[in-house]
C-alpha cells in the first residue's frame, strides 16, 4: 500500500520590517487554491520536547473587530477538537462556557 500524503502550503508576503502584508494558502485536497487570509494560527506538538510550537500571524490590515471574532471562533473550534480528542465532556462544557463569556464580554454577535 502506498503512503498517502497531503500538502498544505502557506505563503506570507512581508513588508520591509518583516510585518505580514498578505497571507494566502493552498490545500489541494480541500479544494483550496491560493486563498487569501488575514490571520492564521498554527500549533504543532513536539513530542520529544513535550511542548507545542506555534506560529501566529496576522496582516497589518486585519481589523481588530475581525481579530476578536477570529479568536472567538478559534476558541470554539478548540473546545470541539478537545472534546473529540479526549471525550472529556465536563471540561468541554467548561471551555464552551468560557467561549460564551468571551463573546459576551467582547460583545461579539453570534451567528
PDB file of N, CA and C in Angstrom:
ATOM      1  N   UNK A   1       0.844  -1.179   0.000  1.00  0.00           N
ATOM      2  CA  UNK A   1       0.000   0.000   0.000  1.00  0.00           C
ATOM      3  C   UNK A   1       0.893   1.249   0.000  1.00  0.00           C
ATOM      4  N   UNK A   2       0.575   2.183  -0.854  1.00  0.00           N
ATOM      5  CA  UNK A   2       1.362   3.414  -0.963  1.00  0.00           C
ATOM      6  C   UNK A   2       1.059   4.353   0.196  1.00  0.00           C
ATOM      7  N   UNK A   3       2.068   5.088   0.607  1.00  0.00           N
ATOM      8  CA  UNK A   3       1.867   6.120   1.620  1.00  0.00           C
ATOM      9  C   UNK A   3       1.167   7.309   0.987  1.00  0.00           C
ATOM     10  N   UNK A   4       0.076   7.711   1.570  1.00  0.00           N
ATOM     11  CA  UNK A   4      -0.638   8.884   1.086  1.00  0.00           C
ATOM     12  C   UNK A   4      -0.070  10.121   1.742  1.00  0.00           C
ATOM     13  N   UNK A   5      -0.054  11.200   1.006  1.00  0.00           N
ATOM     14  CA  UNK A   5       0.416  12.469   1.537  1.00  0.00           C
ATOM     15  C   UNK A   5      -0.560  13.561   1.130  1.00  0.00           C
ATOM     16  N   UNK A   6      -0.661  14.541   1.989  1.00  0.00           N
ATOM     17  CA  UNK A   6      -1.465  15.722   1.702  1.00  0.00           C
ATOM     18  C   UNK A   6      -0.608  16.928   2.032  1.00  0.00           C
ATOM     19  N   UNK A   7      -0.644  17.922   1.168  1.00  0.00           N
ATOM     20  CA  UNK A   7       0.229  19.080   1.343  1.00  0.00           C
ATOM     21  C   UNK A   7      -0.617  20.331   1.557  1.00  0.00           C
ATOM     22  N   UNK A   8      -0.230  21.104   2.570  1.00  0.00           N
ATOM     23  CA  UNK A   8      -0.825  22.406   2.843  1.00  0.00           C
ATOM     24  C   UNK A   8       0.309  23.414   2.742  1.00  0.00           C
ATOM     25  N   UNK A   9       0.094  24.452   1.934  1.00  0.00           N
ATOM     26  CA  UNK A   9       1.124  25.458   1.707  1.00  0.00           C
ATOM     27  C   UNK A   9       0.642  26.815   2.192  1.00  0.00           C
ATOM     28  N   UNK A  10       1.480  27.493   2.950  1.00  0.00           N
ATOM     29  CA  UNK A  10       1.204  28.851   3.420  1.00  0.00           C
ATOM     30  C   UNK A  10       2.240  29.780   2.816  1.00  0.00           C
ATOM     31  N   UNK A  11       1.786  30.907   2.280  1.00  0.00           N
ATOM     32  CA  UNK A  11       2.684  31.927   1.750  1.00  0.00           C
ATOM     33  C   UNK A  11       2.408  33.230   2.478  1.00  0.00           C
ATOM     34  N   UNK A  12       3.473  33.862   2.958  1.00  0.00           N
ATOM     35  CA  UNK A  12       3.347  35.118   3.693  1.00  0.00           C
ATOM     36  C   UNK A  12       4.231  36.154   3.012  1.00  0.00           C
ATOM     37  N   UNK A  13       3.603  37.244   2.560  1.00  0.00           N
ATOM     38  CA  UNK A  13       4.347  38.360   1.989  1.00  0.00           C
ATOM     39  C   UNK A  13       4.590  39.380   3.096  1.00  0.00           C
ATOM     40  N   UNK A  14       5.855  39.799   3.255  1.00  0.00           N
ATOM     41  CA  UNK A  14       6.252  40.707   4.327  1.00  0.00           C
ATOM     42  C   UNK A  14       6.627  42.073   3.772  1.00  0.00           C
ATOM     43  N   UNK A  15       6.451  43.096   4.616  1.00  0.00           N
ATOM     44  CA  UNK A  15       6.951  44.424   4.241  1.00  0.00           C
ATOM     45  C   UNK A  15       8.422  44.520   4.630  1.00  0.00           C
ATOM     46  N   UNK A  16       9.014  45.695   4.469  1.00  0.00           N
ATOM     47  CA  UNK A  16      10.444  45.876   4.748  1.00  0.00           C
ATOM     48  C   UNK A  16      10.790  45.652   6.217  1.00  0.00           C
ATOM     49  N   UNK A  17       9.784  45.725   7.115  1.00  0.00           N
ATOM     50  CA  UNK A  17      10.003  45.476   8.547  1.00  0.00           C
ATOM     51  C   UNK A  17       9.615  44.060   8.954  1.00  0.00           C
ATOM     52  N   UNK A  18       9.385  43.216   7.962  1.00  0.00           N
ATOM     53  CA  UNK A  18       9.016  41.808   8.164  1.00  0.00           C
ATOM     54  C   UNK A  18       7.642  41.657   8.822  1.00  0.00           C
ATOM     55  N   UNK A  19       6.769  42.629   8.589  1.00  0.00           N
ATOM     56  CA  UNK A  19       5.390  42.565   9.065  1.00  0.00           C
ATOM     57  C   UNK A  19       4.548  41.987   7.932  1.00  0.00           C
ATOM     58  N   UNK A  20       3.721  40.983   8.230  1.00  0.00           N
ATOM     59  CA  UNK A  20       2.910  40.378   7.166  1.00  0.00           C
ATOM     60  C   UNK A  20       1.971  41.387   6.497  1.00  0.00           C
ATOM     61  N   UNK A  21       2.033  41.419   5.173  1.00  0.00           N
ATOM     62  CA  UNK A  21       1.124  42.238   4.383  1.00  0.00           C
ATOM     63  C   UNK A  21       0.041  41.392   3.727  1.00  0.00           C
ATOM     64  N   UNK A  22       0.394  40.145   3.415  1.00  0.00           N
ATOM     65  CA  UNK A  22      -0.552  39.260   2.731  1.00  0.00           C
ATOM     66  C   UNK A  22      -0.261  37.816   3.136  1.00  0.00           C
ATOM     67  N   UNK A  23      -1.323  37.074   3.377  1.00  0.00           N
ATOM     68  CA  UNK A  23      -1.216  35.644   3.675  1.00  0.00           C
ATOM     69  C   UNK A  23      -2.142  34.924   2.707  1.00  0.00           C
ATOM     70  N   UNK A  24      -1.643  33.878   2.080  1.00  0.00           N
ATOM     71  CA  UNK A  24      -2.535  33.012   1.314  1.00  0.00           C
ATOM     72  C   UNK A  24      -2.099  31.565   1.496  1.00  0.00           C
ATOM     73  N   UNK A  25      -3.040  30.663   1.216  1.00  0.00           N
ATOM     74  CA  UNK A  25      -2.771  29.259   1.489  1.00  0.00           C
ATOM     75  C   UNK A  25      -3.431  28.373   0.450  1.00  0.00           C
ATOM     76  N   UNK A  26      -2.867  27.185   0.318  1.00  0.00           N
ATOM     77  CA  UNK A  26      -3.362  26.186  -0.617  1.00  0.00           C
ATOM     78  C   UNK A  26      -3.449  24.849   0.100  1.00  0.00           C
ATOM     79  N   UNK A  27      -4.576  24.177  -0.085  1.00  0.00           N
ATOM     80  CA  UNK A  27      -4.780  22.806   0.395  1.00  0.00           C
ATOM     81  C   UNK A  27      -5.565  22.094  -0.699  1.00  0.00           C
ATOM     82  N   UNK A  28      -4.835  21.546  -1.656  1.00  0.00           N
ATOM     83  CA  UNK A  28      -5.476  20.989  -2.845  1.00  0.00           C
ATOM     84  C   UNK A  28      -6.487  19.895  -2.514  1.00  0.00           C
ATOM     85  N   UNK A  29      -6.199  19.071  -1.501  1.00  0.00           N
ATOM     86  CA  UNK A  29      -7.149  18.023  -1.111  1.00  0.00           C
ATOM     87  C   UNK A  29      -8.473  18.611  -0.644  1.00  0.00           C
ATOM     88  N   UNK A  30      -8.440  19.837  -0.120  1.00  0.00           N
ATOM     89  CA  UNK A  30      -9.649  20.502   0.348  1.00  0.00           C
ATOM     90  C   UNK A  30     -10.251  21.438  -0.680  1.00  0.00           C
ATOM     91  N   UNK A  31      -9.664  21.483  -1.877  1.00  0.00           N
ATOM     92  CA  UNK A  31     -10.175  22.339  -2.925  1.00  0.00           C
ATOM     93  C   UNK A  31      -9.835  23.812  -2.737  1.00  0.00           C
ATOM     94  N   UNK A  32      -8.801  24.099  -1.938  1.00  0.00           N
ATOM     95  CA  UNK A  32      -8.392  25.477  -1.679  1.00  0.00           C
ATOM     96  C   UNK A  32      -7.128  25.763  -2.489  1.00  0.00           C
ATOM     97  N   UNK A  33      -7.169  26.816  -3.296  1.00  0.00           N
ATOM     98  CA  UNK A  33      -6.009  27.195  -4.094  1.00  0.00           C
ATOM     99  C   UNK A  33      -5.731  28.677  -3.924  1.00  0.00           C
ATOM    100  N   UNK A  34      -4.608  28.982  -3.303  1.00  0.00           N
ATOM    101  CA  UNK A  34      -4.128  30.349  -3.159  1.00  0.00           C
ATOM    102  C   UNK A  34      -5.190  31.287  -2.560  1.00  0.00           C
ATOM    103  N   UNK A  35      -5.870  30.814  -1.524  1.00  0.00           N
ATOM    104  CA  UNK A  35      -6.924  31.609  -0.877  1.00  0.00           C
ATOM    105  C   UNK A  35      -6.304  32.651   0.053  1.00  0.00           C
ATOM    106  N   UNK A  36      -6.880  33.846   0.038  1.00  0.00           N
ATOM    107  CA  UNK A  36      -6.410  34.915   0.916  1.00  0.00           C
ATOM    108  C   UNK A  36      -6.845  34.671   2.350  1.00  0.00           C
ATOM    109  N   UNK A  37      -6.025  35.115   3.279  1.00  0.00           N
ATOM    110  CA  UNK A  37      -6.352  35.063   4.709  1.00  0.00           C
ATOM    111  C   UNK A  37      -5.767  36.313   5.355  1.00  0.00           C
ATOM    112  N   UNK A  38      -6.421  36.798   6.390  1.00  0.00           N
ATOM    113  CA  UNK A  38      -5.916  37.966   7.119  1.00  0.00           C
ATOM    114  C   UNK A  38      -5.156  37.553   8.376  1.00  0.00           C
ATOM    115  N   UNK A  39      -5.384  36.313   8.842  1.00  0.00           N
ATOM    116  CA  UNK A  39      -4.714  35.845  10.056  1.00  0.00           C
ATOM    117  C   UNK A  39      -4.610  34.330  10.020  1.00  0.00           C
ATOM    118  N   UNK A  40      -3.670  33.809  10.809  1.00  0.00           N
ATOM    119  CA  UNK A  40      -3.516  32.361  10.933  1.00  0.00           C
ATOM    120  C   UNK A  40      -2.905  32.022  12.282  1.00  0.00           C
ATOM    121  N   UNK A  41      -3.260  30.854  12.776  1.00  0.00           N
ATOM    122  CA  UNK A  41      -2.639  30.297  13.977  1.00  0.00           C
ATOM    123  C   UNK A  41      -2.313  28.841  13.664  1.00  0.00           C
ATOM    124  N   UNK A  42      -1.091  28.473  13.888  1.00  0.00           N
ATOM    125  CA  UNK A  42      -0.656  27.108  13.641  1.00  0.00           C
ATOM    126  C   UNK A  42       0.046  26.606  14.890  1.00  0.00           C
ATOM    127  N   UNK A  43      -0.384  25.469  15.400  1.00  0.00           N
ATOM    128  CA  UNK A  43       0.266  24.827  16.545  1.00  0.00           C
ATOM    129  C   UNK A  43       0.642  23.410  16.150  1.00  0.00           C
ATOM    130  N   UNK A  44       1.858  23.030  16.494  1.00  0.00           N
ATOM    131  CA  UNK A  44       2.298  21.645  16.302  1.00  0.00           C
ATOM    132  C   UNK A  44       2.860  21.142  17.622  1.00  0.00           C
ATOM    133  N   UNK A  45       2.732  19.853  17.863  1.00  0.00           N
ATOM    134  CA  UNK A  45       3.202  19.253  19.101  1.00  0.00           C
ATOM    135  C   UNK A  45       4.555  18.596  18.892  1.00  0.00           C
ATOM    136  N   UNK A  46       5.542  19.016  19.660  1.00  0.00           N
ATOM    137  CA  UNK A  46       6.869  18.413  19.666  1.00  0.00           C
ATOM    138  C   UNK A  46       6.889  17.401  20.799  1.00  0.00           C
ATOM    139  N   UNK A  47       6.712  16.143  20.463  1.00  0.00           N
ATOM    140  CA  UNK A  47       6.610  15.089  21.475  1.00  0.00           C
ATOM    141  C   UNK A  47       7.916  14.920  22.256  1.00  0.00           C
ATOM    142  N   UNK A  48       9.028  15.059  21.576  1.00  0.00           N
ATOM    143  CA  UNK A  48      10.329  14.889  22.258  1.00  0.00           C
ATOM    144  C   UNK A  48      10.523  15.952  23.339  1.00  0.00           C
ATOM    145  N   UNK A  49      10.169  17.197  23.029  1.00  0.00           N
ATOM    146  CA  UNK A  49      10.345  18.285  23.994  1.00  0.00           C
ATOM    147  C   UNK A  49       9.112  18.463  24.884  1.00  0.00           C
ATOM    148  N   UNK A  50       8.031  17.756  24.562  1.00  0.00           N
ATOM    149  CA  UNK A  50       6.773  17.869  25.305  1.00  0.00           C
ATOM    150  C   UNK A  50       6.288  19.324  25.368  1.00  0.00           C
ATOM    151  N   UNK A  51       6.261  19.956  24.179  1.00  0.00           N
ATOM    152  CA  UNK A  51       5.781  21.333  24.119  1.00  0.00           C
ATOM    153  C   UNK A  51       5.160  21.613  22.760  1.00  0.00           C
ATOM    154  N   UNK A  52       4.271  22.589  22.762  1.00  0.00           N
ATOM    155  CA  UNK A  52       3.698  22.993  21.486  1.00  0.00           C
ATOM    156  C   UNK A  52       4.513  24.146  20.920  1.00  0.00           C
ATOM    157  N   UNK A  53       4.627  24.118  19.609  1.00  0.00           N
ATOM    158  CA  UNK A  53       5.323  25.166  18.871  1.00  0.00           C
ATOM    159  C   UNK A  53       4.269  25.890  18.052  1.00  0.00           C
ATOM    160  N   UNK A  54       4.363  27.212  17.993  1.00  0.00           N
ATOM    161  CA  UNK A  54       3.278  27.977  17.396  1.00  0.00           C
ATOM    162  C   UNK A  54       3.782  29.038  16.438  1.00  0.00           C
ATOM    163  N   UNK A  55       2.949  29.305  15.460  1.00  0.00           N
ATOM    164  CA  UNK A  55       3.124  30.447  14.569  1.00  0.00           C
ATOM    165  C   UNK A  55       1.787  31.172  14.552  1.00  0.00           C
ATOM    166  N   UNK A  56       1.781  32.410  14.991  1.00  0.00           N
ATOM    167  CA  UNK A  56       0.595  33.260  14.969  1.00  0.00           C
ATOM    168  C   UNK A  56       0.933  34.478  14.126  1.00  0.00           C
ATOM    169  N   UNK A  57       0.217  34.652  13.033  1.00  0.00           N
ATOM    170  CA  UNK A  57       0.472  35.784  12.151  1.00  0.00           C
ATOM    171  C   UNK A  57      -0.837  36.442  11.759  1.00  0.00           C
ATOM    172  N   UNK A  58      -0.782  37.755  11.575  1.00  0.00           N
ATOM    173  CA  UNK A  58      -1.921  38.466  11.010  1.00  0.00           C
ATOM    174  C   UNK A  58      -1.387  39.621  10.193  1.00  0.00           C
ATOM    175  N   UNK A  59      -2.136  39.977   9.170  1.00  0.00           N
ATOM    176  CA  UNK A  59      -1.713  41.071   8.303  1.00  0.00           C
ATOM    177  C   UNK A  59      -1.941  42.396   9.008  1.00  0.00           C
ATOM    178  N   UNK A  60      -1.173  43.396   8.593  1.00  0.00           N
ATOM    179  CA  UNK A  60      -1.277  44.689   9.258  1.00  0.00           C
ATOM    180  C   UNK A  60      -2.610  45.375   8.999  1.00  0.00           C
ATOM    181  N   UNK A  61      -3.382  44.886   8.022  1.00  0.00           N
ATOM    182  CA  UNK A  61      -4.692  45.477   7.781  1.00  0.00           C
ATOM    183  C   UNK A  61      -5.839  44.623   8.347  1.00  0.00           C
ATOM    184  N   UNK A  62      -5.497  43.682   9.229  1.00  0.00           N
ATOM    185  CA  UNK A  62      -6.534  42.871   9.891  1.00  0.00           C
ATOM    186  C   UNK A  62      -7.259  43.754  10.897  1.00  0.00           C
ATOM    187  N   UNK A  63      -8.570  43.981  10.707  1.00  0.00           N
ATOM    188  CA  UNK A  63      -9.310  44.831  11.642  1.00  0.00           C
ATOM    189  C   UNK A  63      -9.428  44.177  13.022  1.00  0.00           C
ATOM    190  N   UNK A  64      -9.356  44.991  14.062  1.00  0.00           N
ATOM    191  CA  UNK A  64      -9.425  44.481  15.434  1.00  0.00           C
ATOM    192  C   UNK A  64     -10.755  43.765  15.686  1.00  0.00           C
ATOM    193  N   UNK A  65     -11.861  44.281  15.169  1.00  0.00           N
ATOM    194  CA  UNK A  65     -13.147  43.608  15.396  1.00  0.00           C
ATOM    195  C   UNK A  65     -13.158  42.224  14.750  1.00  0.00           C
ATOM    196  N   UNK A  66     -12.523  42.074  13.586  1.00  0.00           N
ATOM    197  CA  UNK A  66     -12.425  40.753  12.964  1.00  0.00           C
ATOM    198  C   UNK A  66     -11.490  39.845  13.761  1.00  0.00           C
ATOM    199  N   UNK A  67     -10.426  40.410  14.338  1.00  0.00           N
ATOM    200  CA  UNK A  67      -9.500  39.616  15.153  1.00  0.00           C
ATOM    201  C   UNK A  67     -10.221  39.037  16.361  1.00  0.00           C
ATOM    202  N   UNK A  68     -11.109  39.820  16.972  1.00  0.00           N
ATOM    203  CA  UNK A  68     -11.878  39.332  18.123  1.00  0.00           C
ATOM    204  C   UNK A  68     -12.770  38.162  17.719  1.00  0.00           C
ATOM    205  N   UNK A  69     -13.419  38.273  16.576  1.00  0.00           N
ATOM    206  CA  UNK A  69     -14.273  37.179  16.085  1.00  0.00           C
ATOM    207  C   UNK A  69     -13.421  35.965  15.736  1.00  0.00           C
ATOM    208  N   UNK A  70     -12.260  36.194  15.108  1.00  0.00           N
ATOM    209  CA  UNK A  70     -11.344  35.112  14.771  1.00  0.00           C
ATOM    210  C   UNK A  70     -10.922  34.346  16.027  1.00  0.00           C
ATOM    211  N   UNK A  71     -10.569  35.078  17.088  1.00  0.00           N
ATOM    212  CA  UNK A  71     -10.193  34.430  18.344  1.00  0.00           C
ATOM    213  C   UNK A  71     -11.364  33.647  18.916  1.00  0.00           C
ATOM    214  N   UNK A  72     -12.554  34.234  18.912  1.00  0.00           N
ATOM    215  CA  UNK A  72     -13.720  33.534  19.454  1.00  0.00           C
ATOM    216  C   UNK A  72     -13.976  32.242  18.688  1.00  0.00           C
ATOM    217  N   UNK A  73     -14.001  32.327  17.373  1.00  0.00           N
ATOM    218  CA  UNK A  73     -14.262  31.128  16.577  1.00  0.00           C
ATOM    219  C   UNK A  73     -13.172  30.081  16.772  1.00  0.00           C
ATOM    220  N   UNK A  74     -11.922  30.528  16.943  1.00  0.00           N
ATOM    221  CA  UNK A  74     -10.824  29.593  17.186  1.00  0.00           C
ATOM    222  C   UNK A  74     -10.992  28.896  18.538  1.00  0.00           C
ATOM    223  N   UNK A  75     -11.384  29.647  19.560  1.00  0.00           N
ATOM    224  CA  UNK A  75     -11.622  29.048  20.882  1.00  0.00           C
ATOM    225  C   UNK A  75     -12.762  28.034  20.833  1.00  0.00           C
ATOM    226  N   UNK A  76     -13.832  28.362  20.129  1.00  0.00           N
ATOM    227  CA  UNK A  76     -14.963  27.425  19.994  1.00  0.00           C
ATOM    228  C   UNK A  76     -14.502  26.150  19.286  1.00  0.00           C
ATOM    229  N   UNK A  77     -13.733  26.317  18.212  1.00  0.00           N
ATOM    230  CA  UNK A  77     -13.226  25.150  17.480  1.00  0.00           C
ATOM    231  C   UNK A  77     -12.286  24.321  18.344  1.00  0.00           C
ATOM    232  N   UNK A  78     -11.455  24.990  19.151  1.00  0.00           N
ATOM    233  CA  UNK A  78     -10.543  24.258  20.032  1.00  0.00           C
ATOM    234  C   UNK A  78     -11.316  23.443  21.066  1.00  0.00           C
ATOM    235  N   UNK A  79     -12.415  23.981  21.573  1.00  0.00           N
ATOM    236  CA  UNK A  79     -13.193  23.215  22.555  1.00  0.00           C
ATOM    237  C   UNK A  79     -13.809  21.984  21.900  1.00  0.00           C
ATOM    238  N   UNK A  80     -14.261  22.108  20.665  1.00  0.00           N
ATOM    239  CA  UNK A  80     -14.809  20.951  19.947  1.00  0.00           C
ATOM    240  C   UNK A  80     -13.728  19.917  19.658  1.00  0.00           C
ATOM    241  N   UNK A  81     -12.557  20.394  19.247  1.00  0.00           N
ATOM    242  CA  UNK A  81     -11.442  19.485  18.986  1.00  0.00           C
ATOM    243  C   UNK A  81     -10.999  18.792  20.275  1.00  0.00           C
ATOM    244  N   UNK A  82     -10.951  19.548  21.370  1.00  0.00           N
ATOM    245  CA  UNK A  82     -10.596  18.966  22.663  1.00  0.00           C
ATOM    246  C   UNK A  82     -11.556  17.829  23.011  1.00  0.00           C
ATOM    247  N   UNK A  83     -12.841  18.044  22.779  1.00  0.00           N
ATOM    248  CA  UNK A  83     -13.832  17.009  23.075  1.00  0.00           C
ATOM    249  C   UNK A  83     -13.615  15.760  22.212  1.00  0.00           C
ATOM    250  N   UNK A  84     -13.387  15.965  20.911  1.00  0.00           N
ATOM    251  CA  UNK A  84     -13.159  14.818  20.025  1.00  0.00           C
ATOM    252  C   UNK A  84     -11.898  14.056  20.415  1.00  0.00           C
ATOM    253  N   UNK A  85     -10.870  14.792  20.862  1.00  0.00           N
ATOM    254  CA  UNK A  85      -9.579  14.166  21.180  1.00  0.00           C
ATOM    255  C   UNK A  85      -9.577  13.472  22.534  1.00  0.00           C
ATOM    256  N   UNK A  86     -10.366  13.989  23.504  1.00  0.00           N
ATOM    257  CA  UNK A  86     -10.283  13.472  24.874  1.00  0.00           C
ATOM    258  C   UNK A  86     -11.575  12.851  25.396  1.00  0.00           C
ATOM    259  N   UNK A  87     -12.693  13.152  24.773  1.00  0.00           N
ATOM    260  CA  UNK A  87     -14.018  12.755  25.252  1.00  0.00           C
ATOM    261  C   UNK A  87     -14.281  13.245  26.687  1.00  0.00           C
ATOM    262  N   UNK A  88     -13.635  14.330  27.074  1.00  0.00           N
ATOM    263  CA  UNK A  88     -13.814  14.911  28.405  1.00  0.00           C
ATOM    264  C   UNK A  88     -14.960  15.929  28.330  1.00  0.00           C
ATOM    265  N   UNK A  89     -16.171  15.440  28.533  1.00  0.00           N
ATOM    266  CA  UNK A  89     -17.376  16.261  28.382  1.00  0.00           C
ATOM    267  C   UNK A  89     -17.424  17.407  29.403  1.00  0.00           C
ATOM    268  N   UNK A  90     -16.984  17.137  30.629  1.00  0.00           N
ATOM    269  CA  UNK A  90     -17.050  18.156  31.676  1.00  0.00           C
ATOM    270  C   UNK A  90     -16.157  19.351  31.343  1.00  0.00           C
ATOM    271  N   UNK A  91     -14.901  19.094  30.949  1.00  0.00           N
ATOM    272  CA  UNK A  91     -14.007  20.190  30.607  1.00  0.00           C
ATOM    273  C   UNK A  91     -14.449  20.872  29.321  1.00  0.00           C
ATOM    274  N   UNK A  92     -14.990  20.106  28.381  1.00  0.00           N
ATOM    275  CA  UNK A  92     -15.500  20.709  27.146  1.00  0.00           C
ATOM    276  C   UNK A  92     -16.611  21.699  27.467  1.00  0.00           C
ATOM    277  N   UNK A  93     -17.509  21.330  28.361  1.00  0.00           N
ATOM    278  CA  UNK A  93     -18.592  22.237  28.752  1.00  0.00           C
ATOM    279  C   UNK A  93     -18.028  23.503  29.403  1.00  0.00           C
ATOM    280  N   UNK A  94     -16.998  23.340  30.219  1.00  0.00           N
ATOM    281  CA  UNK A  94     -16.354  24.492  30.861  1.00  0.00           C
ATOM    282  C   UNK A  94     -15.719  25.399  29.813  1.00  0.00           C
ATOM    283  N   UNK A  95     -15.070  24.799  28.841  1.00  0.00           N
ATOM    284  CA  UNK A  95     -14.449  25.575  27.776  1.00  0.00           C
ATOM    285  C   UNK A  95     -15.511  26.326  26.967  1.00  0.00           C
ATOM    286  N   UNK A  96     -16.620  25.668  26.669  1.00  0.00           N
ATOM    287  CA  UNK A  96     -17.691  26.319  25.906  1.00  0.00           C
ATOM    288  C   UNK A  96     -18.325  27.454  26.712  1.00  0.00           C
ATOM    289  N   UNK A  97     -18.435  27.268  28.027  1.00  0.00           N
ATOM    290  CA  UNK A  97     -18.927  28.355  28.882  1.00  0.00           C
ATOM    291  C   UNK A  97     -17.993  29.564  28.776  1.00  0.00           C
ATOM    292  N   UNK A  98     -16.678  29.306  28.789  1.00  0.00           N
ATOM    293  CA  UNK A  98     -15.730  30.407  28.649  1.00  0.00           C
ATOM    294  C   UNK A  98     -15.899  31.086  27.293  1.00  0.00           C
ATOM    295  N   UNK A  99     -16.113  30.311  26.231  1.00  0.00           N
ATOM    296  CA  UNK A  99     -16.308  30.895  24.897  1.00  0.00           C
ATOM    297  C   UNK A  99     -17.521  31.821  24.887  1.00  0.00           C
ATOM    298  N   UNK A 100     -18.589  31.402  25.558  1.00  0.00           N
ATOM    299  CA  UNK A 100     -19.782  32.252  25.654  1.00  0.00           C
ATOM    300  C   UNK A 100     -19.458  33.533  26.432  1.00  0.00           C
ATOM    301  N   UNK A 101     -18.731  33.398  27.528  1.00  0.00           N
ATOM    302  CA  UNK A 101     -18.317  34.545  28.341  1.00  0.00           C
ATOM    303  C   UNK A 101     -17.447  35.496  27.515  1.00  0.00           C
ATOM    304  N   UNK A 102     -16.499  34.946  26.786  1.00  0.00           N
ATOM    305  CA  UNK A 102     -15.590  35.711  25.934  1.00  0.00           C
ATOM    306  C   UNK A 102     -16.396  36.537  24.926  1.00  0.00           C
ATOM    307  N   UNK A 103     -17.344  35.880  24.247  1.00  0.00           N
ATOM    308  CA  UNK A 103     -18.165  36.568  23.245  1.00  0.00           C
ATOM    309  C   UNK A 103     -19.019  37.654  23.885  1.00  0.00           C
ATOM    310  N   UNK A 104     -19.569  37.347  25.045  1.00  0.00           N
ATOM    311  CA  UNK A 104     -20.412  38.333  25.739  1.00  0.00           C
ATOM    312  C   UNK A 104     -19.601  39.564  26.135  1.00  0.00           C
ATOM    313  N   UNK A 105     -18.432  39.355  26.734  1.00  0.00           N
ATOM    314  CA  UNK A 105     -17.610  40.471  27.197  1.00  0.00           C
ATOM    315  C   UNK A 105     -17.090  41.323  26.045  1.00  0.00           C
ATOM    316  N   UNK A 106     -16.815  40.699  24.904  1.00  0.00           N
ATOM    317  CA  UNK A 106     -16.348  41.448  23.741  1.00  0.00           C
ATOM    318  C   UNK A 106     -17.504  41.933  22.859  1.00  0.00           C
ATOM    319  N   UNK A 107     -18.717  41.607  23.286  1.00  0.00           N
ATOM    320  CA  UNK A 107     -19.923  41.983  22.539  1.00  0.00           C
ATOM    321  C   UNK A 107     -19.857  41.540  21.094  1.00  0.00           C
ATOM    322  N   UNK A 108     -19.481  40.268  20.934  1.00  0.00           N
ATOM    323  CA  UNK A 108     -19.423  39.652  19.604  1.00  0.00           C
ATOM    324  C   UNK A 108     -20.801  39.070  19.298  1.00  0.00           C
ATOM    325  N   UNK A 109     -21.356  39.459  18.194  1.00  0.00           N
ATOM    326  CA  UNK A 109     -22.654  38.917  17.781  1.00  0.00           C
ATOM    327  C   UNK A 109     -22.456  37.490  17.313  1.00  0.00           C
ATOM    328  N   UNK A 110     -23.205  36.575  17.893  1.00  0.00           N
ATOM    329  CA  UNK A 110     -23.131  35.173  17.468  1.00  0.00           C
ATOM    330  C   UNK A 110     -23.915  35.004  16.186  1.00  0.00           C
ATOM    331  N   UNK A 111     -23.350  34.201  15.306  1.00  0.00           N
ATOM    332  CA  UNK A 111     -24.024  33.941  14.030  1.00  0.00           C
ATOM    333  C   UNK A 111     -24.313  32.480  13.891  1.00  0.00           C
TER     334      UNK A 111
END
